[in-house]
Amino acid sequence: MISALTPIEAQDVRTEPDRLRWYLSRLRIEPLTEEIGMAAIDLLRARRLHGHRYAIDAVVASTALQAPKPVVLVTSDEDDMTTLWGKSVKVVAI
């Protein structure tokens, strides 16, 4: 599963829109709910981080909190995700 923000962040003009849509069609895209938004704020506050830099990562991390356990977070942004999660979730870099 992925956050609804992930496709926006992943969008690249070098990628054909049909190809991106094909990949996304194979994933469960979770909407940004008020609950996930508030969890993202709590995560940022707990780590004393600013939303301007970490907003999307905090939403992605909070979306992962909604997933059945155990959670493995696959990301190209290992440093930021590790900063947000600490050791509570396995973060795998791609």
PDB file of N, CA and C in Angstrom:
ATOM      1  N   MET A   1       0.837  -1.173   0.000  1.00  0.00           N
ATOM      2  CA  MET A   1       0.000   0.000   0.000  1.00  0.00           C
ATOM      3  C   MET A   1       0.881   1.235   0.000  1.00  0.00           C
ATOM      4  N   ILE A   2       0.354   2.307  -0.569  1.00  0.00           N
ATOM      5  CA  ILE A   2       1.107   3.563  -0.607  1.00  0.00           C
ATOM      6  C   ILE A   2       0.173   4.713  -0.246  1.00  0.00           C
ATOM      7  N   SER A   3       0.769   5.799   0.175  1.00  0.00           N
ATOM      8  CA  SER A   3       0.020   7.019   0.452  1.00  0.00           C
ATOM      9  C   SER A   3      -0.426   7.663  -0.860  1.00  0.00           C
ATOM     10  N   ALA A   4      -1.543   8.347  -0.822  1.00  0.00           N
ATOM     11  CA  ALA A   4      -2.012   9.089  -1.993  1.00  0.00           C
ATOM     12  C   ALA A   4      -1.010  10.166  -2.408  1.00  0.00           C
ATOM     13  N   LEU A   5      -0.132  10.578  -1.510  1.00  0.00           N
ATOM     14  CA  LEU A   5       0.884  11.575  -1.842  1.00  0.00           C
ATOM     15  C   LEU A   5       2.077  10.979  -2.591  1.00  0.00           C
ATOM     16  N   THR A   6       2.295   9.685  -2.474  1.00  0.00           N
ATOM     17  CA  THR A   6       3.458   9.055  -3.080  1.00  0.00           C
ATOM     18  C   THR A   6       3.494   9.207  -4.604  1.00  0.00           C
ATOM     19  N   PRO A   7       2.392   8.983  -5.328  1.00  0.00           N
ATOM     20  CA  PRO A   7       2.454   9.179  -6.776  1.00  0.00           C
ATOM     21  C   PRO A   7       2.781  10.623  -7.169  1.00  0.00           C
ATOM     22  N   ILE A   8       2.328  11.574  -6.380  1.00  0.00           N
ATOM     23  CA  ILE A   8       2.628  12.981  -6.653  1.00  0.00           C
ATOM     24  C   ILE A   8       4.121  13.230  -6.493  1.00  0.00           C
ATOM     25  N   GLU A   9       4.678  12.701  -5.421  1.00  0.00           N
ATOM     26  CA  GLU A   9       6.102  12.865  -5.166  1.00  0.00           C
ATOM     27  C   GLU A   9       6.943  12.121  -6.212  1.00  0.00           C
ATOM     28  N   ALA A  10       6.457  10.988  -6.688  1.00  0.00           N
ATOM     29  CA  ALA A  10       7.210  10.156  -7.635  1.00  0.00           C
ATOM     30  C   ALA A  10       7.094  10.638  -9.075  1.00  0.00           C
ATOM     31  N   GLN A  11       6.147  11.493  -9.366  1.00  0.00           N
ATOM     32  CA  GLN A  11       5.923  11.968 -10.735  1.00  0.00           C
ATOM     33  C   GLN A  11       7.187  12.589 -11.291  1.00  0.00           C
ATOM     34  N   ASP A  12       7.524  12.179 -12.499  1.00  0.00           N
ATOM     35  CA  ASP A  12       8.719  12.673 -13.166  1.00  0.00           C
ATOM     36  C   ASP A  12       8.381  12.834 -14.640  1.00  0.00           C
ATOM     37  N   VAL A  13       8.751  13.959 -15.231  1.00  0.00           N
ATOM     38  CA  VAL A  13       8.414  14.209 -16.632  1.00  0.00           C
ATOM     39  C   VAL A  13       9.079  13.212 -17.577  1.00  0.00           C
ATOM     40  N   ARG A  14      10.107  12.518 -17.103  1.00  0.00           N
ATOM     41  CA  ARG A  14      10.777  11.521 -17.948  1.00  0.00           C
ATOM     42  C   ARG A  14      10.015  10.195 -17.987  1.00  0.00           C
ATOM     43  N   THR A  15       9.039  10.022 -17.087  1.00  0.00           N
ATOM     44  CA  THR A  15       8.254   8.794 -17.045  1.00  0.00           C
ATOM     45  C   THR A  15       6.961   9.000 -17.817  1.00  0.00           C
ATOM     46  N   GLU A  16       6.664   8.074 -18.711  1.00  0.00           N
ATOM     47  CA  GLU A  16       5.433   8.143 -19.483  1.00  0.00           C
ATOM     48  C   GLU A  16       4.232   8.013 -18.541  1.00  0.00           C
ATOM     49  N   PRO A  17       3.232   8.868 -18.680  1.00  0.00           N
ATOM     50  CA  PRO A  17       2.059   8.811 -17.800  1.00  0.00           C
ATOM     51  C   PRO A  17       1.379   7.438 -17.785  1.00  0.00           C
ATOM     52  N   ASP A  18       1.297   6.777 -18.936  1.00  0.00           N
ATOM     53  CA  ASP A  18       0.664   5.452 -18.978  1.00  0.00           C
ATOM     54  C   ASP A  18       1.453   4.432 -18.164  1.00  0.00           C
ATOM     55  N   ARG A  19       2.767   4.544 -18.198  1.00  0.00           N
ATOM     56  CA  ARG A  19       3.602   3.624 -17.426  1.00  0.00           C
ATOM     57  C   ARG A  19       3.382   3.836 -15.927  1.00  0.00           C
ATOM     58  N   LEU A  20       3.347   5.091 -15.495  1.00  0.00           N
ATOM     59  CA  LEU A  20       3.091   5.380 -14.087  1.00  0.00           C
ATOM     60  C   LEU A  20       1.719   4.863 -13.681  1.00  0.00           C
ATOM     61  N   ARG A  21       0.704   5.108 -14.504  1.00  0.00           N
ATOM     62  CA  ARG A  21      -0.647   4.613 -14.193  1.00  0.00           C
ATOM     63  C   ARG A  21      -0.674   3.094 -14.097  1.00  0.00           C
ATOM     64  N   TRP A  22       0.081   2.399 -14.943  1.00  0.00           N
ATOM     65  CA  TRP A  22       0.125   0.940 -14.906  1.00  0.00           C
ATOM     66  C   TRP A  22       0.699   0.468 -13.572  1.00  0.00           C
ATOM     67  N   TYR A  23       1.813   1.050 -13.149  1.00  0.00           N
ATOM     68  CA  TYR A  23       2.389   0.673 -11.857  1.00  0.00           C
ATOM     69  C   TYR A  23       1.428   0.966 -10.714  1.00  0.00           C
ATOM     70  N   LEU A  24       0.823   2.129 -10.738  1.00  0.00           N
ATOM     71  CA  LEU A  24      -0.092   2.510  -9.664  1.00  0.00           C
ATOM     72  C   LEU A  24      -1.313   1.615  -9.614  1.00  0.00           C
ATOM     73  N   SER A  25      -1.731   1.080 -10.762  1.00  0.00           N
ATOM     74  CA  SER A  25      -2.910   0.217 -10.794  1.00  0.00           C
ATOM     75  C   SER A  25      -2.683  -1.088 -10.042  1.00  0.00           C
ATOM     76  N   ARG A  26      -1.441  -1.411  -9.750  1.00  0.00           N
ATOM     77  CA  ARG A  26      -1.125  -2.639  -9.033  1.00  0.00           C
ATOM     78  C   ARG A  26      -0.949  -2.428  -7.539  1.00  0.00           C
ATOM     79  N   LEU A  27      -1.145  -1.209  -7.091  1.00  0.00           N
ATOM     80  CA  LEU A  27      -0.965  -0.870  -5.678  1.00  0.00           C
ATOM     81  C   LEU A  27      -2.283  -0.417  -5.057  1.00  0.00           C
ATOM     82  N   ARG A  28      -2.362  -0.567  -3.746  1.00  0.00           N
ATOM     83  CA  ARG A  28      -3.502  -0.015  -3.014  1.00  0.00           C
ATOM     84  C   ARG A  28      -3.099   1.380  -2.546  1.00  0.00           C
ATOM     85  N   ILE A  29      -3.791   2.384  -3.044  1.00  0.00           N
ATOM     86  CA  ILE A  29      -3.467   3.770  -2.704  1.00  0.00           C
ATOM     87  C   ILE A  29      -4.387   4.221  -1.570  1.00  0.00           C
ATOM     88  N   GLU A  30      -3.773   4.556  -0.449  1.00  0.00           N
ATOM     89  CA  GLU A  30      -4.514   4.976   0.736  1.00  0.00           C
ATOM     90  C   GLU A  30      -4.721   6.485   0.714  1.00  0.00           C
ATOM     91  N   PRO A  31      -5.949   6.936   0.938  1.00  0.00           N
ATOM     92  CA  PRO A  31      -6.206   8.378   0.952  1.00  0.00           C
ATOM     93  C   PRO A  31      -5.589   9.047   2.177  1.00  0.00           C
ATOM     94  N   LEU A  32      -5.379  10.337   2.059  1.00  0.00           N
ATOM     95  CA  LEU A  32      -4.929  11.127   3.194  1.00  0.00           C
ATOM     96  C   LEU A  32      -6.159  11.498   4.001  1.00  0.00           C
ATOM     97  N   THR A  33      -6.307  10.871   5.144  1.00  0.00           N
ATOM     98  CA  THR A  33      -7.445  11.135   6.021  1.00  0.00           C
ATOM     99  C   THR A  33      -7.032  12.102   7.125  1.00  0.00           C
ATOM    100  N   GLU A  34      -8.004  12.616   7.824  1.00  0.00           N
ATOM    101  CA  GLU A  34      -7.709  13.492   8.965  1.00  0.00           C
ATOM    102  C   GLU A  34      -6.893  12.728  10.008  1.00  0.00           C
ATOM    103  N   GLU A  35      -7.218  11.461  10.227  1.00  0.00           N
ATOM    104  CA  GLU A  35      -6.498  10.632  11.196  1.00  0.00           C
ATOM    105  C   GLU A  35      -5.016  10.494  10.817  1.00  0.00           C
ATOM    106  N   ILE A  36      -4.751  10.240   9.544  1.00  0.00           N
ATOM    107  CA  ILE A  36      -3.362  10.121   9.089  1.00  0.00           C
ATOM    108  C   ILE A  36      -2.661  11.472   9.193  1.00  0.00           C
ATOM    109  N   GLY A  37      -3.348  12.554   8.844  1.00  0.00           N
ATOM    110  CA  GLY A  37      -2.765  13.887   8.958  1.00  0.00           C
ATOM    111  C   GLY A  37      -2.387  14.227  10.392  1.00  0.00           C
ATOM    112  N   MET A  38      -3.276  13.911  11.331  1.00  0.00           N
ATOM    113  CA  MET A  38      -2.974  14.193  12.740  1.00  0.00           C
ATOM    114  C   MET A  38      -1.841  13.305  13.246  1.00  0.00           C
ATOM    115  N   ALA A  39      -1.792  12.052  12.780  1.00  0.00           N
ATOM    116  CA  ALA A  39      -0.690  11.161  13.159  1.00  0.00           C
ATOM    117  C   ALA A  39       0.636  11.692  12.618  1.00  0.00           C
ATOM    118  N   ALA A  40       0.613  12.275  11.412  1.00  0.00           N
ATOM    119  CA  ALA A  40       1.821  12.869  10.832  1.00  0.00           C
ATOM    120  C   ALA A  40       2.293  14.050  11.680  1.00  0.00           C
ATOM    121  N   ILE A  41       1.355  14.873  12.126  1.00  0.00           N
ATOM    122  CA  ILE A  41       1.712  16.005  12.993  1.00  0.00           C
ATOM    123  C   ILE A  41       2.327  15.492  14.288  1.00  0.00           C
ATOM    124  N   ASP A  42       1.718  14.473  14.888  1.00  0.00           N
ATOM    125  CA  ASP A  42       2.253  13.902  16.127  1.00  0.00           C
ATOM    126  C   ASP A  42       3.658  13.347  15.923  1.00  0.00           C
ATOM    127  N   LEU A  43       3.872  12.697  14.788  1.00  0.00           N
ATOM    128  CA  LEU A  43       5.184  12.145  14.479  1.00  0.00           C
ATOM    129  C   LEU A  43       6.230  13.251  14.354  1.00  0.00           C
ATOM    130  N   LEU A  44       5.870  14.314  13.657  1.00  0.00           N
ATOM    131  CA  LEU A  44       6.784  15.453  13.517  1.00  0.00           C
ATOM    132  C   LEU A  44       7.096  16.092  14.868  1.00  0.00           C
ATOM    133  N   ARG A  45       6.079  16.282  15.676  1.00  0.00           N
ATOM    134  CA  ARG A  45       6.297  16.898  17.001  1.00  0.00           C
ATOM    135  C   ARG A  45       7.169  16.028  17.894  1.00  0.00           C
ATOM    136  N   ALA A  46       6.925  14.712  17.844  1.00  0.00           N
ATOM    137  CA  ALA A  46       7.700  13.795  18.685  1.00  0.00           C
ATOM    138  C   ALA A  46       9.179  13.831  18.312  1.00  0.00           C
ATOM    139  N   ARG A  47       9.479  14.078  17.047  1.00  0.00           N
ATOM    140  CA  ARG A  47      10.866  14.116  16.574  1.00  0.00           C
ATOM    141  C   ARG A  47      11.406  15.546  16.491  1.00  0.00           C
ATOM    142  N   ARG A  48      10.551  16.527  16.853  1.00  0.00           N
ATOM    143  CA  ARG A  48      10.919  17.942  16.816  1.00  0.00           C
ATOM    144  C   ARG A  48      11.374  18.361  15.410  1.00  0.00           C
ATOM    145  N   LEU A  49      10.581  17.951  14.408  1.00  0.00           N
ATOM    146  CA  LEU A  49      10.886  18.259  13.009  1.00  0.00           C
ATOM    147  C   LEU A  49       9.864  19.241  12.455  1.00  0.00           C
ATOM    148  N   HIS A  50      10.271  19.989  11.431  1.00  0.00           N
ATOM    149  CA  HIS A  50       9.407  20.993  10.813  1.00  0.00           C
ATOM    150  C   HIS A  50       8.650  20.367   9.647  1.00  0.00           C
ATOM    151  N   GLY A  51       7.366  20.669   9.560  1.00  0.00           N
ATOM    152  CA  GLY A  51       6.531  20.121   8.501  1.00  0.00           C
ATOM    153  C   GLY A  51       6.943  20.529   7.104  1.00  0.00           C
ATOM    154  N   HIS A  52       7.548  21.696   6.957  1.00  0.00           N
ATOM    155  CA  HIS A  52       7.922  22.165   5.628  1.00  0.00           C
ATOM    156  C   HIS A  52       8.864  21.176   4.925  1.00  0.00           C
ATOM    157  N   ARG A  53       9.823  20.669   5.649  1.00  0.00           N
ATOM    158  CA  ARG A  53      10.787  19.734   5.044  1.00  0.00           C
ATOM    159  C   ARG A  53      10.281  18.291   5.067  1.00  0.00           C
ATOM    160  N   TYR A  54       9.572  17.914   6.113  1.00  0.00           N
ATOM    161  CA  TYR A  54       9.245  16.506   6.325  1.00  0.00           C
ATOM    162  C   TYR A  54       7.765  16.164   6.127  1.00  0.00           C
ATOM    163  N   ALA A  55       6.962  17.070   5.601  1.00  0.00           N
ATOM    164  CA  ALA A  55       5.512  16.850   5.524  1.00  0.00           C
ATOM    165  C   ALA A  55       5.139  15.583   4.762  1.00  0.00           C
ATOM    166  N   ILE A  56       5.629  15.442   3.540  1.00  0.00           N
ATOM    167  CA  ILE A  56       5.250  14.270   2.742  1.00  0.00           C
ATOM    168  C   ILE A  56       5.777  12.998   3.397  1.00  0.00           C
ATOM    169  N   ASP A  57       7.015  13.013   3.864  1.00  0.00           N
ATOM    170  CA  ASP A  57       7.563  11.829   4.526  1.00  0.00           C
ATOM    171  C   ASP A  57       6.754  11.462   5.766  1.00  0.00           C
ATOM    172  N   ALA A  58       6.317  12.451   6.521  1.00  0.00           N
ATOM    173  CA  ALA A  58       5.520  12.181   7.726  1.00  0.00           C
ATOM    174  C   ALA A  58       4.175  11.561   7.365  1.00  0.00           C
ATOM    175  N   VAL A  59       3.564  12.009   6.269  1.00  0.00           N
ATOM    176  CA  VAL A  59       2.294  11.423   5.822  1.00  0.00           C
ATOM    177  C   VAL A  59       2.514   9.987   5.359  1.00  0.00           C
ATOM    178  N   VAL A  60       3.575   9.748   4.594  1.00  0.00           N
ATOM    179  CA  VAL A  60       3.887   8.390   4.139  1.00  0.00           C
ATOM    180  C   VAL A  60       4.130   7.480   5.348  1.00  0.00           C
ATOM    181  N   ALA A  61       4.892   7.958   6.307  1.00  0.00           N
ATOM    182  CA  ALA A  61       5.169   7.170   7.508  1.00  0.00           C
ATOM    183  C   ALA A  61       3.889   6.896   8.298  1.00  0.00           C
ATOM    184  N   SER A  62       3.043   7.892   8.433  1.00  0.00           N
ATOM    185  CA  SER A  62       1.790   7.724   9.169  1.00  0.00           C
ATOM    186  C   SER A  62       0.832   6.794   8.433  1.00  0.00           C
ATOM    187  N   THR A  63       0.868   6.809   7.118  1.00  0.00           N
ATOM    188  CA  THR A  63       0.066   5.867   6.335  1.00  0.00           C
ATOM    189  C   THR A  63       0.545   4.441   6.608  1.00  0.00           C
ATOM    190  N   ALA A  64       1.858   4.265   6.694  1.00  0.00           N
ATOM    191  CA  ALA A  64       2.405   2.939   6.981  1.00  0.00           C
ATOM    192  C   ALA A  64       1.963   2.437   8.355  1.00  0.00           C
ATOM    193  N   LEU A  65       1.746   3.360   9.287  1.00  0.00           N
ATOM    194  CA  LEU A  65       1.267   2.966  10.615  1.00  0.00           C
ATOM    195  C   LEU A  65      -0.098   2.283  10.547  1.00  0.00           C
ATOM    196  N   GLN A  66      -0.867   2.591   9.502  1.00  0.00           N
ATOM    197  CA  GLN A  66      -2.201   2.015   9.336  1.00  0.00           C
ATOM    198  C   GLN A  66      -2.153   0.582   8.796  1.00  0.00           C
ATOM    199  N   ALA A  67      -0.995   0.191   8.266  1.00  0.00           N
ATOM    200  CA  ALA A  67      -0.861  -1.129   7.640  1.00  0.00           C
ATOM    201  C   ALA A  67      -0.804  -2.221   8.699  1.00  0.00           C
ATOM    202  N   PRO A  68      -1.259  -3.423   8.331  1.00  0.00           N
ATOM    203  CA  PRO A  68      -1.107  -4.559   9.248  1.00  0.00           C
ATOM    204  C   PRO A  68       0.370  -4.796   9.553  1.00  0.00           C
ATOM    205  N   LYS A  69       0.658  -5.170  10.763  1.00  0.00           N
ATOM    206  CA  LYS A  69       2.037  -5.406  11.195  1.00  0.00           C
ATOM    207  C   LYS A  69       2.464  -6.807  10.770  1.00  0.00           C
ATOM    208  N   PRO A  70       3.726  -7.067  10.524  1.00  0.00           N
ATOM    209  CA  PRO A  70       4.862  -6.161  10.600  1.00  0.00           C
ATOM    210  C   PRO A  70       4.932  -5.255   9.369  1.00  0.00           C
ATOM    211  N   VAL A  71       5.532  -4.084   9.539  1.00  0.00           N
ATOM    212  CA  VAL A  71       5.637  -3.107   8.456  1.00  0.00           C
ATOM    213  C   VAL A  71       7.090  -3.006   8.009  1.00  0.00           C
ATOM    214  N   VAL A  72       7.272  -3.052   6.701  1.00  0.00           N
ATOM    215  CA  VAL A  72       8.574  -2.776   6.089  1.00  0.00           C
ATOM    216  C   VAL A  72       8.343  -1.597   5.163  1.00  0.00           C
ATOM    217  N   LEU A  73       9.053  -0.514   5.400  1.00  0.00           N
ATOM    218  CA  LEU A  73       8.903   0.697   4.614  1.00  0.00           C
ATOM    219  C   LEU A  73       9.989   0.737   3.545  1.00  0.00           C
ATOM    220  N   VAL A  74       9.597   0.669   2.278  1.00  0.00           N
ATOM    221  CA  VAL A  74      10.528   0.706   1.158  1.00  0.00           C
ATOM    222  C   VAL A  74      10.559   2.140   0.641  1.00  0.00           C
ATOM    223  N   THR A  75      11.752   2.724   0.577  1.00  0.00           N
ATOM    224  CA  THR A  75      11.854   4.148   0.247  1.00  0.00           C
ATOM    225  C   THR A  75      13.169   4.469  -0.445  1.00  0.00           C
ATOM    226  N   SER A  76      13.154   5.537  -1.203  1.00  0.00           N
ATOM    227  CA  SER A  76      14.402   6.065  -1.753  1.00  0.00           C
ATOM    228  C   SER A  76      14.974   7.135  -0.834  1.00  0.00           C
ATOM    229  N   ASP A  77      14.268   7.422   0.245  1.00  0.00           N
ATOM    230  CA  ASP A  77      14.646   8.477   1.185  1.00  0.00           C
ATOM    231  C   ASP A  77      14.922   7.872   2.565  1.00  0.00           C
ATOM    232  N   GLU A  78      15.869   6.955   2.601  1.00  0.00           N
ATOM    233  CA  GLU A  78      16.151   6.205   3.827  1.00  0.00           C
ATOM    234  C   GLU A  78      16.502   7.103   5.005  1.00  0.00           C
ATOM    235  N   ASP A  79      17.307   8.139   4.778  1.00  0.00           N
ATOM    236  CA  ASP A  79      17.737   8.998   5.884  1.00  0.00           C
ATOM    237  C   ASP A  79      16.563   9.684   6.569  1.00  0.00           C
ATOM    238  N   ASP A  80      15.685  10.318   5.777  1.00  0.00           N
ATOM    239  CA  ASP A  80      14.544  11.019   6.379  1.00  0.00           C
ATOM    240  C   ASP A  80      13.592  10.053   7.057  1.00  0.00           C
ATOM    241  N   MET A  81      13.341   8.916   6.431  1.00  0.00           N
ATOM    242  CA  MET A  81      12.420   7.952   7.030  1.00  0.00           C
ATOM    243  C   MET A  81      12.983   7.362   8.315  1.00  0.00           C
ATOM    244  N   THR A  82      14.277   7.117   8.343  1.00  0.00           N
ATOM    245  CA  THR A  82      14.898   6.621   9.576  1.00  0.00           C
ATOM    246  C   THR A  82      14.822   7.692  10.661  1.00  0.00           C
ATOM    247  N   THR A  83      14.993   8.960  10.281  1.00  0.00           N
ATOM    248  CA  THR A  83      14.853  10.060  11.234  1.00  0.00           C
ATOM    249  C   THR A  83      13.444  10.073  11.828  1.00  0.00           C
ATOM    250  N   LEU A  84      12.439   9.866  10.985  1.00  0.00           N
ATOM    251  CA  LEU A  84      11.051   9.865  11.455  1.00  0.00           C
ATOM    252  C   LEU A  84      10.713   8.631  12.285  1.00  0.00           C
ATOM    253  N   TRP A  85      11.139   7.470  11.834  1.00  0.00           N
ATOM    254  CA  TRP A  85      10.743   6.206  12.452  1.00  0.00           C
ATOM    255  C   TRP A  85      11.654   5.756  13.559  1.00  0.00           C
ATOM    256  N   GLY A  86      12.930   6.116  13.513  1.00  0.00           N
ATOM    257  CA  GLY A  86      13.864   5.532  14.462  1.00  0.00           C
ATOM    258  C   GLY A  86      14.017   4.051  14.138  1.00  0.00           C
ATOM    259  N   LYS A  87      13.967   3.220  15.123  1.00  0.00           N
ATOM    260  CA  LYS A  87      14.137   1.774  14.917  1.00  0.00           C
ATOM    261  C   LYS A  87      12.813   1.030  15.028  1.00  0.00           C
ATOM    262  N   SER A  88      11.686   1.749  15.101  1.00  0.00           N
ATOM    263  CA  SER A  88      10.402   1.078  15.317  1.00  0.00           C
ATOM    264  C   SER A  88       9.858   0.375  14.081  1.00  0.00           C
ATOM    265  N   VAL A  89      10.369   0.727  12.892  1.00  0.00           N
ATOM    266  CA  VAL A  89       9.932   0.111  11.640  1.00  0.00           C
ATOM    267  C   VAL A  89      11.168  -0.176  10.804  1.00  0.00           C
ATOM    268  N   LYS A  90      11.161  -1.300  10.118  1.00  0.00           N
ATOM    269  CA  LYS A  90      12.285  -1.623   9.239  1.00  0.00           C
ATOM    270  C   LYS A  90      12.183  -0.760   7.977  1.00  0.00           C
ATOM    271  N   VAL A  91      13.228   0.004   7.716  1.00  0.00           N
ATOM    272  CA  VAL A  91      13.304   0.871   6.543  1.00  0.00           C
ATOM    273  C   VAL A  91      14.285   0.251   5.552  1.00  0.00           C
ATOM    274  N   VAL A  92      13.819   0.035   4.315  1.00  0.00           N
ATOM    275  CA  VAL A  92      14.643  -0.573   3.275  1.00  0.00           C
ATOM    276  C   VAL A  92      14.820   0.443   2.151  1.00  0.00           C
ATOM    277  N   ALA A  93      16.059   0.725   1.812  1.00  0.00           N
ATOM    278  CA  ALA A  93      16.359   1.688   0.737  1.00  0.00           C
ATOM    279  C   ALA A  93      16.313   1.003  -0.614  1.00  0.00           C
ATOM    280  N   ILE A  94      15.770   1.747  -1.608  1.00  0.00           N
ATOM    281  CA  ILE A  94      15.789   1.238  -2.981  1.00  0.00           C
ATOM    282  C   ILE A  94      16.538   2.223  -3.856  1.00  0.00           C
TER     283      ILE A  94
END
